[in-house]
Amino acid sequence: MSLEEVRTKIYGIRKYIVACPVFADNSPGWYNEVMDDIDQILNWIEFDTKTITQLAREEDKVACDE
């Protein structure tokens, strides 16, 4: 599974949690903690994807320079 597929699945989970008021109303501490964790994972995936893309571009540049 690619990082893009993982990110899409996590966004789906996040949208479900946000759309279901039971989570926020009955367990606000849990809700905030889970949402923070989800956002942190999404930020990590975004950073990792950018890093991988940047490394690939640098490798392509080196290959072109040789």
Protein backbone atom coordinates (compact mmCIF):
# COMPACT_ATOMS: atom_id res chain seq x y z
CA MET A 1 0.00 0.00 0.00
CA SER A 2 1.40 3.38 -0.97
CA LEU A 3 1.60 6.39 1.33
CA GLU A 4 -1.08 8.04 -0.80
CA GLU A 5 -3.46 5.13 -0.19
CA VAL A 6 -2.72 5.23 3.54
CA ARG A 7 -3.34 8.97 3.64
CA THR A 8 -6.65 8.54 1.81
CA LYS A 9 -7.79 5.89 4.30
CA ILE A 10 -6.77 8.04 7.28
CA TYR A 11 -8.62 11.05 5.84
CA GLY A 12 -11.70 8.81 5.53
CA ILE A 13 -11.43 7.79 9.18
CA ARG A 14 -10.94 11.42 10.21
CA LYS A 15 -14.00 12.55 8.24
CA TYR A 16 -16.07 9.80 9.89
CA ILE A 17 -14.97 10.85 13.39
CA VAL A 18 -15.64 14.54 12.65
CA ALA A 19 -19.07 13.74 11.16
CA CYS A 20 -20.15 11.68 14.19
CA PRO A 21 -20.97 14.09 17.05
CA VAL A 22 -21.18 11.21 19.54
CA PHE A 23 -17.39 11.09 19.73
CA ALA A 24 -16.96 14.78 20.53
CA ASP A 25 -19.99 15.03 22.81
CA ASN A 26 -19.43 11.92 24.94
CA SER A 27 -15.65 11.82 25.10
CA PRO A 28 -14.13 15.23 24.34
CA GLY A 29 -10.71 14.26 25.76
CA TRP A 30 -10.59 11.11 23.64
CA TYR A 31 -11.82 13.00 20.60
CA ASN A 32 -9.15 15.71 20.88
CA GLU A 33 -6.39 13.17 21.50
CA VAL A 34 -7.40 11.02 18.53
CA MET A 35 -7.75 14.01 16.23
CA ASP A 36 -4.30 15.26 17.27
CA ASP A 37 -2.83 11.82 16.60
CA ILE A 38 -4.51 11.60 13.20
CA ASP A 39 -3.28 15.06 12.23
CA GLN A 40 0.23 14.15 13.35
CA ILE A 41 0.17 10.99 11.22
CA LEU A 42 -1.10 12.96 8.21
CA ASN A 43 1.65 15.54 8.69
CA TRP A 44 4.24 12.75 8.88
CA ILE A 45 2.92 11.19 5.66
CA GLU A 46 2.95 14.59 3.94
CA PHE A 47 6.54 15.23 5.10
CA ASP A 48 7.66 11.73 4.09
CA THR A 49 6.04 12.05 0.66
CA LYS A 50 7.76 15.39 0.07
CA THR A 51 11.08 13.94 1.26
CA ILE A 52 10.78 10.97 -1.08
CA THR A 53 9.86 13.26 -3.99
CA GLN A 54 12.78 15.59 -3.22
CA LEU A 55 15.24 12.69 -3.00
CA ALA A 56 13.99 11.32 -6.31
CA ARG A 57 14.47 14.72 -7.96
CA GLU A 58 17.98 14.99 -6.56
CA GLU A 59 18.83 11.51 -7.87
CA ASP A 60 17.41 12.44 -11.29
CA LYS A 61 19.52 15.61 -11.31
CA VAL A 62 22.69 13.68 -10.45
CA ALA A 63 21.91 11.15 -13.18
CA CYS A 64 21.42 13.96 -15.72
CA ASP A 65 24.68 15.64 -14.68
CA GLU A 66 26.71 12.47 -15.23
